[in-house]
Protein backbone atom coordinates (compact mmCIF):
# COMPACT_ATOMS: atom_id res chain seq x y z
CA MET A 1 -143.15 -55.03 -46.09
CA HIS A 2 -143.24 -51.84 -48.13
CA ASN A 3 -140.51 -50.95 -50.64
CA ALA A 4 -138.86 -47.51 -50.19
CA PRO A 5 -139.70 -45.12 -53.00
CA LEU A 6 -136.95 -44.59 -55.58
CA PRO A 7 -135.36 -41.12 -55.59
CA SER A 8 -136.53 -38.86 -58.35
CA PRO A 9 -134.12 -37.84 -61.18
CA SER A 10 -133.78 -34.34 -59.67
CA HIS A 11 -132.76 -35.83 -56.31
CA ARG A 12 -130.19 -38.07 -57.98
CA ARG A 13 -128.69 -35.12 -59.86
CA ARG A 14 -128.50 -33.10 -56.63
CA TRP A 15 -126.77 -35.97 -54.86
CA ILE A 16 -124.19 -36.34 -57.65
CA VAL A 17 -123.43 -32.60 -57.55
CA LEU A 18 -122.96 -32.66 -53.77
CA VAL A 19 -120.56 -35.63 -53.99
CA ALA A 20 -118.55 -33.89 -56.72
CA LEU A 21 -118.31 -30.67 -54.71
CA ALA A 22 -117.19 -32.57 -51.62
CA THR A 23 -114.48 -34.34 -53.66
CA ILE A 24 -113.20 -31.05 -55.12
CA LEU A 25 -113.15 -29.41 -51.68
CA SER A 26 -111.19 -32.30 -50.17
CA ALA A 27 -108.62 -32.12 -52.97
CA ALA A 28 -108.24 -28.35 -52.55
CA ILE A 29 -107.68 -28.74 -48.80
CA ALA A 30 -105.01 -31.39 -49.42
CA VAL A 31 -103.16 -29.19 -51.94
CA PHE A 32 -103.29 -26.22 -49.55
CA ALA A 33 -101.83 -28.33 -46.75
CA VAL A 34 -98.92 -29.47 -48.93
CA VAL A 35 -98.12 -25.91 -50.11
CA ARG A 36 -98.29 -24.57 -46.57
CA SER A 37 -95.99 -27.33 -45.33
CA LEU A 38 -93.41 -26.57 -48.02
CA GLY A 39 -93.55 -22.85 -47.29
CA SER A 40 -93.04 -23.30 -43.56
CA SER A 41 -90.11 -25.67 -44.06
CA GLU A 42 -88.34 -23.09 -46.25
CA SER A 43 -88.90 -20.23 -43.84
CA SER A 44 -87.59 -22.24 -40.89
CA ASP A 45 -84.62 -23.81 -42.65
CA PRO A 46 -81.43 -22.08 -41.40
CA SER A 47 -79.07 -24.14 -43.55
CA GLY A 48 -79.04 -21.76 -46.49
CA THR A 49 -80.53 -24.26 -48.95
CA ALA A 50 -84.01 -22.80 -48.60
CA GLY A 51 -82.43 -19.40 -49.06
CA VAL A 52 -81.05 -20.41 -52.43
CA SER A 53 -84.51 -20.20 -54.03
CA VAL A 54 -84.93 -16.73 -52.52
CA GLU A 55 -81.58 -15.63 -53.82
CA ILE A 56 -82.30 -16.94 -57.30
CA SER A 57 -85.41 -14.78 -57.38
CA GLN A 58 -83.28 -11.80 -56.36
CA SER A 59 -81.28 -12.17 -59.56
CA THR A 60 -84.40 -11.43 -61.62
CA ARG A 61 -84.92 -7.93 -60.17
CA ARG A 62 -82.93 -4.77 -60.80
CA LEU A 63 -80.07 -4.20 -58.36
CA THR A 64 -79.97 -1.02 -56.31
CA PRO A 65 -76.85 1.15 -56.80
CA ASP A 66 -75.52 0.06 -53.41
CA GLU A 67 -76.05 -3.64 -54.18
CA ALA A 68 -74.28 -3.19 -57.53
CA ASN A 69 -71.28 -1.74 -55.67
CA GLY A 70 -71.15 -4.63 -53.20
CA VAL A 71 -72.75 -2.92 -50.20
CA ILE A 72 -74.29 -5.23 -47.58
CA PRO A 73 -76.54 -3.57 -44.98
CA GLU A 74 -75.11 -3.74 -41.46
CA ASN A 75 -78.28 -5.27 -40.06
CA ALA A 76 -78.88 -7.70 -42.94
CA PRO A 77 -75.82 -9.87 -43.70
CA PHE A 78 -75.97 -12.13 -46.74
CA SER A 79 -75.93 -15.90 -46.99
CA VAL A 80 -72.86 -17.41 -48.67
CA PHE A 81 -75.34 -18.60 -51.33
CA ASP A 82 -76.55 -15.09 -52.17
CA ARG A 83 -76.38 -14.12 -55.85
CA ARG A 84 -75.91 -10.39 -55.47
CA PRO A 85 -72.48 -8.96 -56.46
CA ALA A 86 -71.02 -8.84 -52.93
CA VAL A 87 -71.03 -12.66 -52.99
CA SER A 88 -71.34 -13.61 -56.66
CA ARG A 89 -68.25 -11.57 -57.64
CA LEU A 90 -65.98 -13.19 -55.08
CA ASP A 91 -63.22 -15.38 -56.47
CA PRO A 92 -64.98 -18.66 -57.44
CA ASP A 93 -62.60 -20.81 -55.38
CA LEU A 94 -63.10 -18.62 -52.32
CA ARG A 95 -66.86 -18.71 -52.78
CA ALA A 96 -66.85 -22.51 -53.12
CA ALA A 97 -64.74 -22.89 -49.97
CA LEU A 98 -67.12 -20.61 -48.08
CA ARG A 99 -70.10 -22.70 -49.10
CA ARG A 100 -68.45 -25.96 -48.07
CA ALA A 101 -67.51 -24.47 -44.72
CA ALA A 102 -71.00 -23.02 -44.24
CA GLN A 103 -72.58 -26.44 -44.76
CA ALA A 104 -70.24 -28.04 -42.22
CA ALA A 105 -70.80 -25.20 -39.74
CA GLN A 106 -74.56 -25.55 -40.16
CA ALA A 107 -74.32 -29.20 -39.18
CA ALA A 108 -72.67 -27.99 -35.96
CA GLY A 109 -75.45 -25.46 -35.36
CA VAL A 110 -73.43 -22.43 -36.54
CA ARG A 111 -74.57 -20.02 -39.25
CA ILE A 112 -71.89 -18.26 -41.31
CA ARG A 113 -72.98 -14.92 -42.76
CA VAL A 114 -71.23 -12.46 -45.09
CA ASN A 115 -70.94 -8.93 -43.71
CA SER A 116 -68.80 -7.70 -46.61
CA GLY A 117 -67.45 -9.40 -49.69
CA TRP A 118 -66.55 -8.05 -53.12
CA ARG A 119 -66.54 -4.25 -53.28
CA SER A 120 -66.34 -1.89 -56.22
CA PRO A 121 -63.40 0.55 -56.28
CA ALA A 122 -65.85 3.41 -55.69
CA TYR A 123 -67.27 1.73 -52.58
CA GLN A 124 -63.77 1.01 -51.27
CA ARG A 125 -62.77 4.63 -51.72
CA ARG A 126 -65.89 5.69 -49.83
CA LEU A 127 -64.99 3.36 -46.95
CA LEU A 128 -61.46 4.75 -46.84
CA ARG A 129 -62.71 8.34 -46.71
CA ASN A 130 -65.03 7.41 -43.85
CA ALA A 131 -62.18 5.69 -42.03
CA VAL A 132 -59.93 8.77 -42.32
CA THR A 133 -62.73 10.85 -40.82
CA LYS A 134 -63.30 8.32 -38.06
CA TYR A 135 -59.67 7.68 -37.10
CA GLY A 136 -58.31 11.15 -37.80
CA SER A 137 -55.55 10.34 -40.28
CA GLU A 138 -54.75 8.26 -43.34
CA ARG A 139 -52.02 6.48 -41.38
CA GLU A 140 -54.41 5.26 -38.71
CA ALA A 141 -57.19 4.52 -41.22
CA ALA A 142 -54.78 2.25 -43.12
CA ARG A 143 -54.84 -0.16 -40.17
CA TRP A 144 -58.45 -0.93 -41.01
CA VAL A 145 -59.23 0.00 -44.62
CA ALA A 146 -57.07 -0.53 -47.71
CA THR A 147 -56.99 1.62 -50.81
CA ALA A 148 -59.04 0.62 -53.83
CA GLU A 149 -55.80 -0.34 -55.59
CA THR A 150 -54.62 -2.74 -52.87
CA SER A 151 -57.82 -4.06 -51.30
CA ALA A 152 -58.41 -7.81 -51.46
CA HIS A 153 -62.11 -7.03 -51.30
CA VAL A 154 -61.96 -5.13 -54.59
CA SER A 155 -60.21 -8.05 -56.28
CA GLY A 156 -62.78 -10.47 -54.81
CA ASP A 157 -60.22 -12.30 -52.69
CA ALA A 158 -61.47 -11.38 -49.20
CA VAL A 159 -64.64 -11.65 -47.19
CA ASP A 160 -65.72 -10.35 -43.79
CA LEU A 161 -67.73 -12.94 -41.89
CA GLY A 162 -69.91 -13.09 -38.80
CA PRO A 163 -71.39 -13.43 -36.29
CA TYR A 164 -68.96 -14.18 -33.46
CA ALA A 165 -70.00 -17.84 -33.29
CA ALA A 166 -69.08 -18.20 -36.97
CA THR A 167 -65.63 -16.64 -36.70
CA ASN A 168 -65.00 -18.64 -33.55
CA TRP A 169 -65.89 -21.82 -35.45
CA LEU A 170 -63.71 -20.79 -38.39
CA SER A 171 -60.73 -20.09 -36.14
CA GLU A 172 -60.81 -23.79 -35.28
CA HIS A 173 -62.06 -25.38 -38.51
CA GLY A 174 -61.51 -22.82 -41.28
CA ALA A 175 -58.06 -24.08 -42.29
CA ALA A 176 -59.57 -27.40 -43.37
CA TYR A 177 -61.40 -25.42 -46.06
CA GLY A 178 -58.48 -23.13 -46.87
CA LEU A 179 -60.11 -20.21 -45.06
CA CYS A 180 -57.67 -18.17 -42.99
CA GLN A 181 -57.79 -15.07 -40.84
CA ILE A 182 -55.15 -12.74 -42.25
CA TYR A 183 -54.97 -9.82 -39.80
CA ARG A 184 -54.86 -10.21 -36.04
CA ASN A 185 -56.87 -7.01 -35.52
CA GLU A 186 -59.63 -8.21 -37.89
CA PRO A 187 -60.98 -11.59 -36.73
CA TRP A 188 -63.77 -11.25 -39.31
CA HIS A 189 -61.51 -10.90 -42.38
CA TYR A 190 -60.90 -14.19 -44.21
CA GLU A 191 -59.07 -15.07 -47.39
CA LEU A 192 -58.41 -18.32 -49.24
CA ARG A 193 -55.10 -20.07 -48.59
CA PRO A 194 -55.38 -23.46 -50.35
CA GLY A 195 -52.29 -24.86 -48.64
CA ALA A 196 -53.85 -24.37 -45.22
CA ALA A 197 -55.75 -27.65 -45.48
CA GLY A 198 -52.45 -29.53 -45.21
CA GLY A 199 -50.14 -27.21 -43.33
CA GLY A 200 -52.38 -24.82 -41.45
CA CYS A 201 -52.91 -21.11 -41.94
CA PRO A 202 -49.89 -18.79 -42.23
CA SER A 203 -48.98 -16.45 -39.39
CA MET A 204 -51.24 -13.42 -39.18
CA PHE A 205 -50.12 -9.86 -39.77
CA PRO A 206 -50.76 -7.57 -36.77
CA ASP A 207 -52.83 -5.34 -39.11
CA PRO A 208 -52.95 -4.51 -42.84
CA THR A 209 -50.09 -1.99 -42.65
CA PHE A 210 -47.73 -4.97 -42.11
CA ASP A 211 -48.98 -6.72 -45.24
CA PRO A 212 -46.56 -6.25 -48.19
CA ARG A 213 -49.52 -6.26 -50.59
CA MET A 214 -50.69 -2.98 -49.08
CA ARG A 215 -47.47 -1.20 -50.12
CA ARG A 216 -47.94 -1.42 -53.86
């Protein structure tokens, strides 16, 4: 029986290099798979928690003039976890209640989004001018848009929410979180009423012109 010839030193070195390269390639593939898995879970997570990391990164860039004034694009509502002024400058208790409600709604398959939150006085005045043009008079516009001096949005005490599934859910469950619809003609407008958790939300005003706060 003949013994097999021993590999030469050059063959042994080549074999060691090939094994090392294969090990490095396997490790790189494993790392790529983990990163891709994490990325896909964030992009598909509708709960808002994955969005928090996105919103944190937003705070590191310069705000546009509209963002600084609290403008939220009509076709791009914000998460309740957003860190731009429209959400971050809401009253802290209102913001906390919104986030608790959003988590509960998410568990029921409902996503709560912010269509309008805090607004600067300049933005509120712009909205009022547009409303006068749209409705034809200051009297009629007042049913929908408050002045900068009286608006609960300017003070950070009001938020407009959507979509319909969210406001429908809030009409049934919002009081448990102190979130109440204030005006019958605005099912999207919510404010914090802490006592609602025990006694329910107060009766709604037909529209803002019936609200004593609007007569200051």
